[in-house]
């Protein structure tokens, strides 16, 4: 049988915080991925896999789904040894409750477009299903 521990507050001996602050405010998923050849998540929490749909077009698939597609998304990308003169971002696409979908974009003074980044970060906040 499974037991449930019900606690209203957590205290580390100095600071007290409500458990709702921890459960509601913590990231529900995060990942660091290399998508310029390895096509792999290097480290993550609550992301099971990544789907490569083409140049710069990715789906990070949740292990445990979100309650809806209306969750907060943040992230950035870059190449450790390339495009040092550019600004790079993740542009969210139409996400679902089971996957964060986005395109990696770069922009320099002379060009812009999608690219396969080797240093992608993604962070998700919201409600789990």
N, C-alpha and C. Protein backbone atom coordinates (compact mmCIF):
# COMPACT_ATOMS: atom_id res chain seq x y z
N UNK A 1 0.84 -1.19 0.00
CA UNK A 1 0.00 0.00 0.00
C UNK A 1 0.87 1.24 0.00
N UNK A 2 0.32 2.33 -0.53
CA UNK A 2 1.04 3.58 -0.62
C UNK A 2 0.56 4.53 0.47
N UNK A 3 1.47 5.24 1.13
CA UNK A 3 1.07 6.23 2.12
C UNK A 3 1.24 7.63 1.57
N UNK A 4 0.51 8.54 2.17
CA UNK A 4 0.57 9.93 1.76
C UNK A 4 1.04 10.77 2.94
N UNK A 5 2.03 11.59 2.70
CA UNK A 5 2.53 12.51 3.71
C UNK A 5 1.97 13.88 3.38
N UNK A 6 1.20 14.45 4.28
CA UNK A 6 0.62 15.77 4.05
C UNK A 6 1.33 16.78 4.92
N UNK A 7 1.95 17.77 4.25
CA UNK A 7 2.72 18.80 4.94
C UNK A 7 2.35 20.15 4.35
N UNK A 8 2.05 21.12 5.21
CA UNK A 8 1.69 22.46 4.74
C UNK A 8 2.91 23.32 4.46
N UNK A 9 3.95 23.15 5.25
CA UNK A 9 5.15 23.98 5.14
C UNK A 9 6.40 23.13 5.22
N UNK A 10 7.47 23.64 4.62
CA UNK A 10 8.79 23.03 4.74
C UNK A 10 9.68 24.04 5.44
N UNK A 11 10.56 23.54 6.32
CA UNK A 11 11.46 24.42 7.05
C UNK A 11 12.84 23.79 7.08
N UNK A 12 13.86 24.60 6.72
CA UNK A 12 15.23 24.10 6.73
C UNK A 12 15.97 24.52 7.99
N UNK A 13 15.26 24.99 8.99
CA UNK A 13 15.87 25.47 10.22
C UNK A 13 16.00 26.97 10.27
N UNK A 14 15.91 27.60 9.11
CA UNK A 14 16.00 29.06 9.02
C UNK A 14 14.79 29.66 8.31
N UNK A 15 14.42 29.06 7.20
CA UNK A 15 13.36 29.60 6.36
C UNK A 15 12.21 28.61 6.24
N UNK A 16 10.99 29.14 6.31
CA UNK A 16 9.80 28.31 6.13
C UNK A 16 9.13 28.72 4.82
N UNK A 17 8.73 27.73 4.03
CA UNK A 17 8.05 27.99 2.77
C UNK A 17 6.88 27.01 2.65
N UNK A 18 5.78 27.50 2.10
CA UNK A 18 4.61 26.65 1.89
C UNK A 18 4.91 25.60 0.83
N UNK A 19 4.42 24.39 1.01
CA UNK A 19 4.65 23.33 0.01
C UNK A 19 4.01 23.69 -1.33
N UNK A 20 2.93 24.48 -1.32
CA UNK A 20 2.32 24.89 -2.59
C UNK A 20 3.28 25.76 -3.40
N UNK A 21 4.12 26.54 -2.72
CA UNK A 21 5.11 27.34 -3.42
C UNK A 21 6.09 26.43 -4.15
N UNK A 22 6.48 25.36 -3.51
CA UNK A 22 7.44 24.43 -4.10
C UNK A 22 6.80 23.67 -5.25
N UNK A 23 5.62 23.09 -5.03
CA UNK A 23 5.00 22.28 -6.08
C UNK A 23 4.49 23.12 -7.24
N UNK A 24 3.97 24.30 -6.99
CA UNK A 24 3.45 25.14 -8.06
C UNK A 24 4.53 25.94 -8.78
N UNK A 25 5.63 26.25 -8.09
CA UNK A 25 6.65 27.11 -8.67
C UNK A 25 7.83 26.40 -9.29
N UNK A 26 8.00 25.12 -9.03
CA UNK A 26 9.15 24.40 -9.56
C UNK A 26 8.97 24.09 -11.04
N UNK A 27 10.09 24.02 -11.74
CA UNK A 27 10.03 23.64 -13.16
C UNK A 27 9.46 22.23 -13.25
N UNK A 28 8.53 22.04 -14.18
CA UNK A 28 7.91 20.72 -14.37
C UNK A 28 8.69 19.89 -15.37
N UNK A 29 9.57 20.54 -16.13
CA UNK A 29 10.45 19.83 -17.06
C UNK A 29 11.58 20.76 -17.44
N UNK A 30 12.77 20.19 -17.67
CA UNK A 30 13.90 20.95 -18.22
C UNK A 30 14.79 19.99 -18.99
N UNK A 31 15.53 20.55 -19.93
CA UNK A 31 16.43 19.70 -20.73
C UNK A 31 17.58 20.51 -21.29
N UNK A 32 18.69 19.82 -21.50
CA UNK A 32 19.83 20.32 -22.26
C UNK A 32 20.06 19.29 -23.35
N UNK A 33 20.04 19.73 -24.61
CA UNK A 33 20.15 18.79 -25.73
C UNK A 33 21.21 19.23 -26.73
N UNK A 34 21.74 18.27 -27.45
CA UNK A 34 22.70 18.48 -28.53
C UNK A 34 22.03 18.00 -29.81
N UNK A 35 21.67 18.93 -30.69
CA UNK A 35 20.88 18.57 -31.87
C UNK A 35 21.60 18.85 -33.19
N UNK A 36 22.93 18.99 -33.17
CA UNK A 36 23.62 19.23 -34.44
C UNK A 36 24.39 18.01 -34.92
N UNK A 37 23.87 16.84 -34.64
CA UNK A 37 24.51 15.61 -35.10
C UNK A 37 24.23 14.46 -34.15
N UNK A 38 24.37 14.72 -32.86
CA UNK A 38 24.10 13.67 -31.87
C UNK A 38 22.61 13.42 -31.71
N UNK A 39 21.80 14.47 -31.89
CA UNK A 39 20.35 14.40 -31.73
C UNK A 39 19.97 13.66 -30.45
N UNK A 40 20.43 14.20 -29.33
CA UNK A 40 20.21 13.54 -28.05
C UNK A 40 20.04 14.55 -26.93
N UNK A 41 19.22 14.20 -25.97
CA UNK A 41 19.10 14.97 -24.74
C UNK A 41 20.28 14.56 -23.86
N UNK A 42 21.10 15.54 -23.46
CA UNK A 42 22.28 15.25 -22.64
C UNK A 42 21.91 15.07 -21.18
N UNK A 43 20.96 15.88 -20.69
CA UNK A 43 20.49 15.78 -19.31
C UNK A 43 19.10 16.38 -19.27
N UNK A 44 18.23 15.85 -18.40
CA UNK A 44 16.87 16.37 -18.38
C UNK A 44 16.11 15.92 -17.15
N UNK A 45 14.96 16.54 -16.98
CA UNK A 45 13.98 16.13 -15.99
C UNK A 45 12.62 16.17 -16.67
N UNK A 46 11.90 15.07 -16.67
CA UNK A 46 10.56 14.93 -17.25
C UNK A 46 10.50 15.10 -18.77
N UNK A 47 11.61 14.89 -19.46
CA UNK A 47 11.60 14.75 -20.91
C UNK A 47 12.10 13.35 -21.23
N UNK A 48 11.29 12.58 -21.96
CA UNK A 48 11.62 11.19 -22.26
C UNK A 48 12.49 11.05 -23.51
N UNK A 49 12.24 11.90 -24.51
CA UNK A 49 12.94 11.78 -25.79
C UNK A 49 12.79 13.06 -26.58
N UNK A 50 13.52 13.13 -27.69
CA UNK A 50 13.41 14.27 -28.59
C UNK A 50 13.16 13.74 -30.00
N UNK A 51 12.29 14.44 -30.73
CA UNK A 51 12.01 14.10 -32.12
C UNK A 51 12.57 15.22 -33.00
N UNK A 52 13.38 14.86 -33.99
CA UNK A 52 13.96 15.82 -34.93
C UNK A 52 13.11 15.81 -36.19
N UNK A 53 12.39 16.90 -36.43
CA UNK A 53 11.49 17.01 -37.59
C UNK A 53 12.13 17.71 -38.78
N UNK A 54 13.41 18.02 -38.69
CA UNK A 54 14.08 18.75 -39.77
C UNK A 54 14.99 19.80 -39.17
N UNK A 55 15.63 20.60 -40.01
CA UNK A 55 16.59 21.60 -39.55
C UNK A 55 15.96 22.54 -38.53
N UNK A 56 16.44 22.48 -37.31
CA UNK A 56 15.99 23.37 -36.24
C UNK A 56 14.59 23.12 -35.74
N UNK A 57 13.93 22.07 -36.18
CA UNK A 57 12.52 21.80 -35.84
C UNK A 57 12.44 20.58 -34.92
N UNK A 58 12.09 20.82 -33.64
CA UNK A 58 12.17 19.76 -32.65
C UNK A 58 10.90 19.62 -31.83
N UNK A 59 10.73 18.43 -31.27
CA UNK A 59 9.69 18.15 -30.27
C UNK A 59 10.39 17.48 -29.11
N UNK A 60 10.32 18.10 -27.94
CA UNK A 60 10.82 17.48 -26.72
C UNK A 60 9.61 16.81 -26.08
N UNK A 61 9.63 15.49 -25.99
CA UNK A 61 8.48 14.71 -25.53
C UNK A 61 8.54 14.49 -24.02
N UNK A 62 7.45 14.87 -23.34
CA UNK A 62 7.40 14.73 -21.89
C UNK A 62 7.31 13.28 -21.45
N UNK A 63 7.90 12.97 -20.33
CA UNK A 63 7.71 11.68 -19.67
C UNK A 63 6.32 11.66 -19.05
N UNK A 64 6.00 12.71 -18.28
CA UNK A 64 4.68 12.90 -17.69
C UNK A 64 4.07 14.14 -18.33
N UNK A 65 2.93 13.99 -18.97
CA UNK A 65 2.31 15.07 -19.74
C UNK A 65 1.89 16.24 -18.86
N UNK A 66 1.74 17.37 -19.49
CA UNK A 66 1.18 18.55 -18.84
C UNK A 66 -0.34 18.43 -18.90
N UNK A 67 -1.05 19.21 -18.07
CA UNK A 67 -2.52 19.11 -18.02
C UNK A 67 -3.17 19.66 -19.29
N UNK A 68 -2.47 20.56 -19.99
CA UNK A 68 -2.96 21.13 -21.24
C UNK A 68 -1.75 21.65 -22.02
N UNK A 69 -1.99 22.23 -23.18
CA UNK A 69 -0.90 22.82 -23.96
C UNK A 69 -0.60 24.25 -23.53
N UNK A 70 -1.33 24.76 -22.53
CA UNK A 70 -1.16 26.14 -22.05
C UNK A 70 -0.18 26.17 -20.87
N UNK A 71 1.09 25.97 -21.16
CA UNK A 71 2.12 26.04 -20.13
C UNK A 71 3.18 27.05 -20.57
N UNK A 72 3.95 27.55 -19.61
CA UNK A 72 4.99 28.54 -19.90
C UNK A 72 6.23 27.83 -20.42
N UNK A 73 6.80 28.38 -21.50
CA UNK A 73 7.96 27.80 -22.15
C UNK A 73 9.09 28.83 -22.15
N UNK A 74 10.28 28.38 -21.86
CA UNK A 74 11.43 29.27 -22.01
C UNK A 74 12.63 28.43 -22.44
N UNK A 75 13.60 29.08 -23.03
CA UNK A 75 14.78 28.36 -23.45
C UNK A 75 15.64 29.20 -24.37
N UNK A 76 16.78 28.68 -24.67
CA UNK A 76 17.67 29.34 -25.62
C UNK A 76 18.54 28.28 -26.27
N UNK A 77 19.30 28.69 -27.23
CA UNK A 77 20.18 27.75 -27.91
C UNK A 77 21.40 28.47 -28.43
N UNK A 78 22.39 27.70 -28.76
CA UNK A 78 23.62 28.26 -29.30
C UNK A 78 24.50 27.13 -29.76
N UNK A 79 25.59 27.46 -30.37
CA UNK A 79 26.56 26.46 -30.76
C UNK A 79 27.85 26.77 -30.03
N UNK A 80 28.37 25.78 -29.35
CA UNK A 80 29.53 25.98 -28.49
C UNK A 80 30.73 26.53 -29.26
N UNK A 81 30.89 26.13 -30.51
CA UNK A 81 32.05 26.57 -31.27
C UNK A 81 31.69 27.36 -32.52
N UNK A 82 30.39 27.58 -32.78
CA UNK A 82 29.97 28.23 -34.01
C UNK A 82 29.01 29.38 -33.73
N UNK A 83 28.77 30.20 -34.73
CA UNK A 83 27.81 31.29 -34.68
C UNK A 83 27.98 32.18 -33.45
N UNK A 84 29.22 32.50 -33.11
CA UNK A 84 29.48 33.33 -31.94
C UNK A 84 29.03 34.78 -32.14
N UNK A 85 28.78 35.17 -33.38
CA UNK A 85 28.35 36.55 -33.64
C UNK A 85 26.83 36.66 -33.74
N UNK A 86 26.10 35.60 -33.40
CA UNK A 86 24.66 35.62 -33.64
C UNK A 86 23.85 35.63 -32.35
N UNK A 87 22.61 35.99 -32.50
CA UNK A 87 21.63 35.87 -31.44
C UNK A 87 20.80 34.63 -31.75
N UNK A 88 20.66 33.72 -30.81
CA UNK A 88 19.92 32.50 -31.07
C UNK A 88 18.80 32.34 -30.06
N UNK A 89 17.67 31.83 -30.52
CA UNK A 89 16.51 31.66 -29.66
C UNK A 89 15.75 30.38 -30.01
N UNK A 90 14.88 29.98 -29.13
CA UNK A 90 13.90 28.95 -29.44
C UNK A 90 12.58 29.67 -29.72
N UNK A 91 11.99 29.42 -30.88
CA UNK A 91 10.68 30.00 -31.18
C UNK A 91 9.64 28.90 -30.98
N UNK A 92 8.80 29.01 -29.93
CA UNK A 92 7.79 27.97 -29.69
C UNK A 92 6.83 27.82 -30.87
N UNK A 93 6.50 26.60 -31.17
CA UNK A 93 5.48 26.28 -32.17
C UNK A 93 4.22 25.89 -31.41
N UNK A 94 3.26 25.30 -32.09
CA UNK A 94 2.03 24.87 -31.43
C UNK A 94 2.35 23.62 -30.61
N UNK A 95 2.50 23.82 -29.31
CA UNK A 95 2.83 22.72 -28.43
C UNK A 95 1.59 21.92 -28.08
N UNK A 96 1.82 20.74 -27.53
CA UNK A 96 0.74 19.89 -27.07
C UNK A 96 1.00 19.55 -25.60
N UNK A 97 0.07 18.88 -24.96
CA UNK A 97 0.28 18.50 -23.57
C UNK A 97 1.35 17.43 -23.44
N UNK A 98 1.70 16.77 -24.54
CA UNK A 98 2.69 15.68 -24.48
C UNK A 98 4.06 16.06 -25.04
N UNK A 99 4.18 17.25 -25.69
CA UNK A 99 5.48 17.64 -26.25
C UNK A 99 5.61 19.15 -26.36
N UNK A 100 6.82 19.66 -26.06
CA UNK A 100 7.18 21.06 -26.30
C UNK A 100 7.79 21.11 -27.69
N UNK A 101 7.15 21.85 -28.60
CA UNK A 101 7.62 21.94 -29.99
C UNK A 101 8.18 23.34 -30.24
N UNK A 102 9.33 23.41 -30.93
CA UNK A 102 9.93 24.71 -31.18
C UNK A 102 10.91 24.62 -32.35
N UNK A 103 11.32 25.79 -32.83
CA UNK A 103 12.32 25.90 -33.88
C UNK A 103 13.50 26.70 -33.35
N UNK A 104 14.72 26.22 -33.60
CA UNK A 104 15.94 26.95 -33.25
C UNK A 104 16.24 27.93 -34.37
N UNK A 105 16.38 29.20 -34.01
CA UNK A 105 16.65 30.25 -34.99
C UNK A 105 17.93 30.99 -34.65
N UNK A 106 18.60 31.51 -35.68
CA UNK A 106 19.75 32.37 -35.47
C UNK A 106 19.55 33.64 -36.28
N UNK A 107 20.24 34.69 -35.86
CA UNK A 107 20.21 35.95 -36.61
C UNK A 107 21.57 36.62 -36.47
N UNK A 108 22.13 37.02 -37.60
CA UNK A 108 23.36 37.81 -37.61
C UNK A 108 23.05 39.10 -38.36
N UNK A 109 24.04 39.93 -38.52
CA UNK A 109 23.81 41.19 -39.25
C UNK A 109 23.53 40.94 -40.72
N UNK A 110 23.86 39.74 -41.23
CA UNK A 110 23.68 39.50 -42.67
C UNK A 110 22.72 38.37 -43.01
N UNK A 111 22.31 37.54 -42.03
CA UNK A 111 21.42 36.44 -42.37
C UNK A 111 20.65 35.96 -41.14
N UNK A 112 19.64 35.15 -41.38
CA UNK A 112 18.87 34.56 -40.29
C UNK A 112 18.20 33.30 -40.81
N UNK A 113 17.82 32.42 -39.88
CA UNK A 113 17.13 31.21 -40.29
C UNK A 113 17.20 30.13 -39.23
N UNK A 114 16.65 28.97 -39.56
CA UNK A 114 16.65 27.83 -38.66
C UNK A 114 17.99 27.11 -38.75
N UNK A 115 18.41 26.51 -37.64
CA UNK A 115 19.65 25.72 -37.66
C UNK A 115 19.61 24.67 -36.56
N UNK A 116 20.46 23.66 -36.71
CA UNK A 116 20.59 22.61 -35.71
C UNK A 116 21.63 23.04 -34.68
N UNK A 117 21.17 23.35 -33.49
CA UNK A 117 22.05 23.83 -32.43
C UNK A 117 22.61 22.67 -31.63
N UNK A 118 23.80 22.88 -31.05
CA UNK A 118 24.38 21.82 -30.23
C UNK A 118 24.29 22.15 -28.74
N UNK A 119 23.55 23.17 -28.39
CA UNK A 119 23.47 23.58 -26.99
C UNK A 119 22.08 24.19 -26.76
N UNK A 120 21.07 23.33 -26.62
CA UNK A 120 19.70 23.79 -26.48
C UNK A 120 19.23 23.59 -25.04
N UNK A 121 18.67 24.66 -24.47
CA UNK A 121 18.06 24.55 -23.15
C UNK A 121 16.57 24.80 -23.27
N UNK A 122 15.79 24.03 -22.52
CA UNK A 122 14.34 24.22 -22.49
C UNK A 122 13.87 24.06 -21.04
N UNK A 123 12.98 24.97 -20.61
CA UNK A 123 12.43 24.92 -19.25
C UNK A 123 10.93 25.13 -19.35
N UNK A 124 10.17 24.27 -18.66
CA UNK A 124 8.72 24.32 -18.70
C UNK A 124 8.15 24.53 -17.30
N UNK A 125 7.22 25.47 -17.19
CA UNK A 125 6.47 25.70 -15.94
C UNK A 125 4.99 25.55 -16.26
N UNK A 126 4.25 24.94 -15.37
CA UNK A 126 2.82 24.75 -15.57
C UNK A 126 2.30 23.63 -14.71
N UNK A 127 1.13 23.12 -15.04
CA UNK A 127 0.49 22.06 -14.27
C UNK A 127 0.65 20.72 -14.95
N UNK A 128 1.10 19.74 -14.20
CA UNK A 128 1.16 18.37 -14.73
C UNK A 128 -0.23 17.78 -14.80
N UNK A 129 -0.42 16.82 -15.70
CA UNK A 129 -1.71 16.16 -15.85
C UNK A 129 -2.05 15.38 -14.59
